[in-house]
C-alpha atoms as a PDB file:
ATOM      1  CA  MET A   1      -0.113  -0.144   0.072  1.00  0.00           C
ATOM      2  CA  LYS A   2       3.008   2.312   0.851  1.00  0.00           C
ATOM      3  CA  ALA A   3       4.705   1.553  -2.409  1.00  0.00           C
ATOM      4  CA  ARG A   4       1.499   2.486  -4.321  1.00  0.00           C
ATOM      5  CA  PHE A   5       1.338   5.804  -2.661  1.00  0.00           C
ATOM      6  CA  THR A   6       4.761   6.493  -3.272  1.00  0.00           C
ATOM      7  CA  PHE A   7       4.474   5.415  -6.761  1.00  0.00           C
ATOM      8  CA  LEU A   8       1.025   7.793  -7.133  1.00  0.00           C
ATOM      9  CA  VAL A   9       2.918  10.918  -5.457  1.00  0.00           C
ATOM     10  CA  ALA A  10       6.103  10.232  -7.462  1.00  0.00           C
ATOM     11  CA  ALA A  11       3.799  10.104 -11.142  1.00  0.00           C
ATOM     12  CA  ALA A  12       1.774  13.178  -9.777  1.00  0.00           C
ATOM     13  CA  VAL A  13       4.981  15.225  -9.401  1.00  0.00           C
ATOM     14  CA  LEU A  14       6.347  13.995 -12.646  1.00  0.00           C
ATOM     15  CA  VAL A  15       2.922  15.183 -14.588  1.00  0.00           C
ATOM     16  CA  GLY A  16       2.963  18.619 -13.069  1.00  0.00           C
ATOM     17  CA  ALA A  17       6.685  18.927 -14.100  1.00  0.00           C
ATOM     18  CA  LEU A  18       6.082  18.060 -17.291  1.00  0.00           C
ATOM     19  CA  ALA A  19       2.903  20.278 -17.778  1.00  0.00           C
ATOM     20  CA  THR A  20       4.600  23.175 -16.073  1.00  0.00           C
ATOM     21  CA  THR A  21       7.190  22.572 -18.937  1.00  0.00           C
ATOM     22  CA  LEU A  22       4.801  22.382 -21.887  1.00  0.00           C
ATOM     23  CA  VAL A  23       3.113  25.510 -20.429  1.00  0.00           C
ATOM     24  CA  ALA A  24       6.431  27.654 -20.290  1.00  0.00           C
ATOM     25  CA  ALA A  25       7.300  26.455 -23.660  1.00  0.00           C
ATOM     26  CA  CYS A  26       4.240  27.090 -25.619  1.00  0.00           C
ATOM     27  CA  SER A  27       3.705  30.589 -23.906  1.00  0.00           C
ATOM     28  CA  ALA A  28       6.996  31.892 -25.192  1.00  0.00           C
ATOM     29  CA  PRO A  29       7.620  31.802 -28.886  1.00  0.00           C
ATOM     30  CA  ALA A  30      10.422  30.115 -30.290  1.00  0.00           C
ATOM     31  CA  SER A  31      13.367  32.179 -32.005  1.00  0.00           C
ATOM     32  CA  GLN A  32      14.476  31.430 -35.502  1.00  0.00           C
ATOM     33  CA  ALA A  33      16.903  34.179 -35.374  1.00  0.00           C
ATOM     34  CA  ARG A  34      20.415  33.697 -36.503  1.00  0.00           C
ATOM     35  CA  PRO A  35      23.424  35.459 -35.117  1.00  0.00           C
ATOM     36  CA  ASN A  36      23.845  38.517 -37.430  1.00  0.00           C
ATOM     37  CA  GLU A  37      20.358  39.150 -38.975  1.00  0.00           C
ATOM     38  CA  GLU A  38      19.990  41.744 -41.490  1.00  0.00           C
ATOM     39  CA  ILE A  39      16.952  43.432 -39.473  1.00  0.00           C
ATOM     40  CA  TYR A  40      19.771  44.039 -36.562  1.00  0.00           C
ATOM     41  CA  GLY A  41      20.982  47.740 -36.791  1.00  0.00           C
ATOM     42  CA  SER A  42      19.910  51.281 -36.060  1.00  0.00           C
ATOM     43  CA  TRP A  43      16.761  52.549 -38.161  1.00  0.00           C
ATOM     44  CA  LEU A  44      15.657  56.119 -38.396  1.00  0.00           C
ATOM     45  CA  GLY A  45      11.930  56.992 -38.788  1.00  0.00           C
ATOM     46  CA  GLU A  46      11.121  58.388 -42.470  1.00  0.00           C
ATOM     47  CA  ARG A  47       9.071  61.236 -41.024  1.00  0.00           C
ATOM     48  CA  PRO A  48      11.025  64.121 -39.398  1.00  0.00           C
ATOM     49  CA  GLY A  49      11.015  63.817 -35.490  1.00  0.00           C
ATOM     50  CA  GLN A  50       9.859  60.255 -35.965  1.00  0.00           C
ATOM     51  CA  ASP A  51      11.397  57.409 -33.479  1.00  0.00           C
ATOM     52  CA  ARG A  52      14.535  55.634 -33.886  1.00  0.00           C
ATOM     53  CA  LEU A  53      14.875  51.917 -33.628  1.00  0.00           C
ATOM     54  CA  VAL A  54      17.633  50.143 -32.637  1.00  0.00           C
ATOM     55  CA  ILE A  55      17.190  46.417 -32.995  1.00  0.00           C
ATOM     56  CA  ALA A  56      19.547  43.626 -31.528  1.00  0.00           C
ATOM     57  CA  ALA A  57      19.417  39.983 -30.825  1.00  0.00           C
ATOM     58  CA  GLY A  58      16.589  39.606 -28.091  1.00  0.00           C
ATOM     59  CA  GLU A  59      15.569  43.324 -27.884  1.00  0.00           C
ATOM     60  CA  ILE A  60      14.523  46.564 -29.696  1.00  0.00           C
ATOM     61  CA  LYS A  61      15.295  50.016 -27.973  1.00  0.00           C
ATOM     62  CA  GLN A  62      12.935  52.786 -29.194  1.00  0.00           C
ATOM     63  CA  ILE A  63      14.151  56.722 -28.825  1.00  0.00           C
ATOM     64  CA  ALA A  64      10.821  58.914 -28.980  1.00  0.00           C
ATOM     65  CA  SER A  65      12.441  61.479 -31.270  1.00  0.00           C
ATOM     66  CA  THR A  66      15.681  61.764 -33.154  1.00  0.00           C
ATOM     67  CA  ASP A  67      15.851  65.722 -31.919  1.00  0.00           C
ATOM     68  CA  ASP A  68      15.599  64.451 -28.290  1.00  0.00           C
ATOM     69  CA  PRO A  69      17.516  60.934 -27.496  1.00  0.00           C
ATOM     70  CA  GLN A  70      15.594  59.881 -24.734  1.00  0.00           C
ATOM     71  CA  LEU A  71      14.893  56.181 -24.486  1.00  0.00           C
ATOM     72  CA  PHE A  72      11.288  55.758 -24.915  1.00  0.00           C
ATOM     73  CA  ASN A  73      11.017  52.012 -24.375  1.00  0.00           C
ATOM     74  CA  THR A  74      12.774  48.664 -24.477  1.00  0.00           C
ATOM     75  CA  CYS A  75      11.287  45.546 -25.777  1.00  0.00           C
ATOM     76  CA  THR A  76      12.467  41.855 -25.432  1.00  0.00           C
ATOM     77  CA  GLN A  77      11.914  40.323 -29.035  1.00  0.00           C
ATOM     78  CA  VAL A  78      11.827  36.829 -30.250  1.00  0.00           C
ATOM     79  CA  ILE A  79      11.992  36.581 -34.208  1.00  0.00           C
ATOM     80  CA  THR A  80       9.642  33.320 -34.893  1.00  0.00           C
ATOM     81  CA  ALA A  81       9.877  33.162 -38.845  1.00  0.00           C
ATOM     82  CA  ARG A  82      12.018  34.481 -41.282  1.00  0.00           C
ATOM     83  CA  TRP A  83      12.072  34.136 -45.169  1.00  0.00           C
ATOM     84  CA  THR A  84      12.928  35.599 -48.501  1.00  0.00           C
ATOM     85  CA  ASP A  85      10.585  36.569 -51.162  1.00  0.00           C
ATOM     86  CA  SER A  86      11.060  36.400 -55.054  1.00  0.00           C
ATOM     87  CA  GLU A  87      12.191  39.935 -55.013  1.00  0.00           C
ATOM     88  CA  GLY A  88      14.736  39.331 -52.612  1.00  0.00           C
ATOM     89  CA  SER A  89      13.203  41.186 -49.411  1.00  0.00           C
ATOM     90  CA  LEU A  90      13.650  39.498 -46.257  1.00  0.00           C
ATOM     91  CA  TRP A  91      10.709  38.942 -43.986  1.00  0.00           C
ATOM     92  CA  TYR A  92      10.329  38.264 -40.385  1.00  0.00           C
ATOM     93  CA  LYS A  93       7.610  37.708 -38.086  1.00  0.00           C
ATOM     94  CA  ALA A  94       8.298  38.249 -34.309  1.00  0.00           C
ATOM     95  CA  ALA A  95       6.907  38.671 -30.501  1.00  0.00           C
ATOM     96  CA  SER A  96       7.683  41.241 -28.190  1.00  0.00           C
ATOM     97  CA  THR A  97       6.887  42.444 -25.063  1.00  0.00           C
ATOM     98  CA  VAL A  98       7.373  45.843 -23.489  1.00  0.00           C
ATOM     99  CA  ILE A  99      10.181  45.740 -20.202  1.00  0.00           C
ATOM    100  CA  ARG A 100      10.609  49.275 -19.911  1.00  0.00           C
ATOM    101  CA  GLY A 101       9.037  52.475 -20.790  1.00  0.00           C
ATOM    102  CA  PRO A 102       5.608  54.357 -20.036  1.00  0.00           C
ATOM    103  CA  ALA A 103       3.215  52.404 -17.311  1.00  0.00           C
ATOM    104  CA  ARG A 104       0.573  52.045 -20.038  1.00  0.00           C
ATOM    105  CA  LEU A 105       2.910  49.883 -22.338  1.00  0.00           C
ATOM    106  CA  MET A 106       4.652  47.956 -19.814  1.00  0.00           C
ATOM    107  CA  GLY A 107       4.160  44.386 -20.242  1.00  0.00           C
ATOM    108  CA  SER A 108       2.199  44.836 -23.407  1.00  0.00           C
ATOM    109  CA  LYS A 109       2.609  42.133 -25.959  1.00  0.00           C
ATOM    110  CA  TRP A 110       3.004  42.783 -29.649  1.00  0.00           C
ATOM    111  CA  GLN A 111       3.380  40.606 -32.715  1.00  0.00           C
ATOM    112  CA  SER A 112       4.636  41.900 -35.892  1.00  0.00           C
ATOM    113  CA  LEU A 113       5.325  41.458 -39.442  1.00  0.00           C
ATOM    114  CA  SER A 114       8.473  43.242 -41.027  1.00  0.00           C
ATOM    115  CA  ARG A 115      10.362  43.525 -44.316  1.00  0.00           C
ATOM    116  CA  VAL A 116      13.819  44.479 -44.949  1.00  0.00           C
ATOM    117  CA  SER A 117      14.292  45.534 -48.530  1.00  0.00           C
ATOM    118  CA  LYS A 118      16.878  43.533 -50.652  1.00  0.00           C
ATOM    119  CA  SER A 119      19.514  46.285 -50.481  1.00  0.00           C
ATOM    120  CA  ALA A 120      18.935  46.387 -46.433  1.00  0.00           C
ATOM    121  CA  ALA A 121      18.521  49.799 -46.420  1.00  0.00           C
ATOM    122  CA  SER A 122      14.749  50.179 -45.794  1.00  0.00           C
ATOM    123  CA  LEU A 123      12.538  48.521 -42.803  1.00  0.00           C
ATOM    124  CA  GLU A 124       8.762  48.562 -43.001  1.00  0.00           C
ATOM    125  CA  ILE A 125       6.914  47.374 -39.832  1.00  0.00           C
ATOM    126  CA  MET A 126       3.487  46.352 -39.086  1.00  0.00           C
ATOM    127  CA  SER A 127       3.303  45.601 -35.046  1.00  0.00           C
ATOM    128  CA  ILE A 128      -0.085  45.146 -33.349  1.00  0.00           C
ATOM    129  CA  PRO A 129      -1.146  44.667 -29.741  1.00  0.00           C
ATOM    130  CA  VAL A 130      -2.166  41.373 -28.620  1.00  0.00           C
ATOM    131  CA  ARG A 131      -3.532  39.673 -25.421  1.00  0.00           C
ATOM    132  CA  ASP A 132      -1.406  36.586 -25.558  1.00  0.00           C
ATOM    133  CA  PHE A 133       0.977  35.543 -28.295  1.00  0.00           C
ATOM    134  CA  ASP A 134      -0.660  33.208 -30.932  1.00  0.00           C
ATOM    135  CA  PRO A 135       0.638  32.133 -34.136  1.00  0.00           C
ATOM    136  CA  LYS A 136      -2.389  33.081 -35.735  1.00  0.00           C
ATOM    137  CA  SER A 137      -2.275  36.552 -34.586  1.00  0.00           C
ATOM    138  CA  TYR A 138       0.574  38.115 -36.733  1.00  0.00           C
ATOM    139  CA  PRO A 139      -0.360  40.899 -39.173  1.00  0.00           C
ATOM    140  CA  GLU A 140      -0.950  39.036 -42.451  1.00  0.00           C
ATOM    141  CA  LYS A 141       0.109  41.968 -44.584  1.00  0.00           C
ATOM    142  CA  LEU A 142       1.899  45.573 -44.398  1.00  0.00           C
ATOM    143  CA  ASP A 143      -0.755  48.107 -44.456  1.00  0.00           C
ATOM    144  CA  PRO A 144       0.290  51.785 -45.121  1.00  0.00           C
ATOM    145  CA  GLU A 145      -2.915  52.984 -44.029  1.00  0.00           C
ATOM    146  CA  SER A 146      -2.645  51.417 -40.536  1.00  0.00           C
ATOM    147  CA  GLU A 147      -1.832  53.417 -37.190  1.00  0.00           C
ATOM    148  CA  TYR A 148       0.447  50.330 -36.659  1.00  0.00           C
ATOM    149  CA  TYR A 149       2.689  50.321 -39.766  1.00  0.00           C
ATOM    150  CA  ALA A 150       5.970  52.376 -39.895  1.00  0.00           C
ATOM    151  CA  VAL A 151       8.826  52.973 -42.165  1.00  0.00           C
ATOM    152  CA  TYR A 152      12.686  53.205 -41.303  1.00  0.00           C
ATOM    153  CA  GLN A 153      15.554  53.691 -43.090  1.00  0.00           C
ATOM    154  CA  ARG A 154      18.984  52.478 -41.857  1.00  0.00           C
ATOM    155  CA  ASP A 155      20.809  54.770 -39.717  1.00  0.00           C
ATOM    156  CA  SER A 156      23.685  56.060 -42.408  1.00  0.00           C
ATOM    157  CA  ARG A 157      25.606  57.322 -39.508  1.00  0.00           C
ATOM    158  CA  ALA A 158      26.315  53.579 -38.343  1.00  0.00           C
ATOM    159  CA  ALA A 159      29.888  52.553 -38.579  1.00  0.00           C
ATOM    160  CA  PHE A 160      29.089  49.121 -40.234  1.00  0.00           C
ATOM    161  CA  PRO A 161      25.738  48.439 -42.335  1.00  0.00           C
ATOM    162  CA  HIS A 162      24.252  46.103 -39.459  1.00  0.00           C
ATOM    163  CA  ALA A 163      26.193  48.232 -36.487  1.00  0.00           C
ATOM    164  CA  VAL A 164      23.952  48.910 -33.478  1.00  0.00           C
ATOM    165  CA  LEU A 165      24.510  52.474 -32.068  1.00  0.00           C
ATOM    166  CA  TYR A 166      24.701  52.673 -28.030  1.00  0.00           C
ATOM    167  CA  GLY A 167      25.133  56.001 -26.725  1.00  0.00           C
ATOM    168  CA  ASP A 168      24.260  57.510 -23.244  1.00  0.00           C
ATOM    169  CA  ALA A 169      20.597  56.981 -23.844  1.00  0.00           C
ATOM    170  CA  TRP A 170      20.950  53.215 -23.997  1.00  0.00           C
ATOM    171  CA  LYS A 171      22.600  52.777 -20.659  1.00  0.00           C
END
């Protein structure tokens, strides 16, 4: 009887550990990123006064305005898919969570569809807020009319094409 009870307790612990592992694995998207992705680097918004993005492995940092280099927010980022289209542009799907920034954005989750031009000079992003990460919740297309759409140009001041600029605002 005691051996059966011990076996049942051990089985329950094992099932609980397995369930916890599965929940953790399913809630965070798996990374498909390579060490030196073309999307990594410093990007400037096309419109005057628009933000700058600095994208590196696992994170995005955003400056609210190129005229005022104050850090606006920081997000963790996981690239969940990557492919090249017939024109040579690189496409990415990514999941992000705001970890530093305005209180109204803290903890918010975003899923994005991005395209880096064949020349790697421009970046288009369609990033939408989501309640939970879901493979079915990525934007289906880039919509220039959407409030969630933005276009960036690679920062020509960067020393290398994929260089990430870090200044005082990033510490």
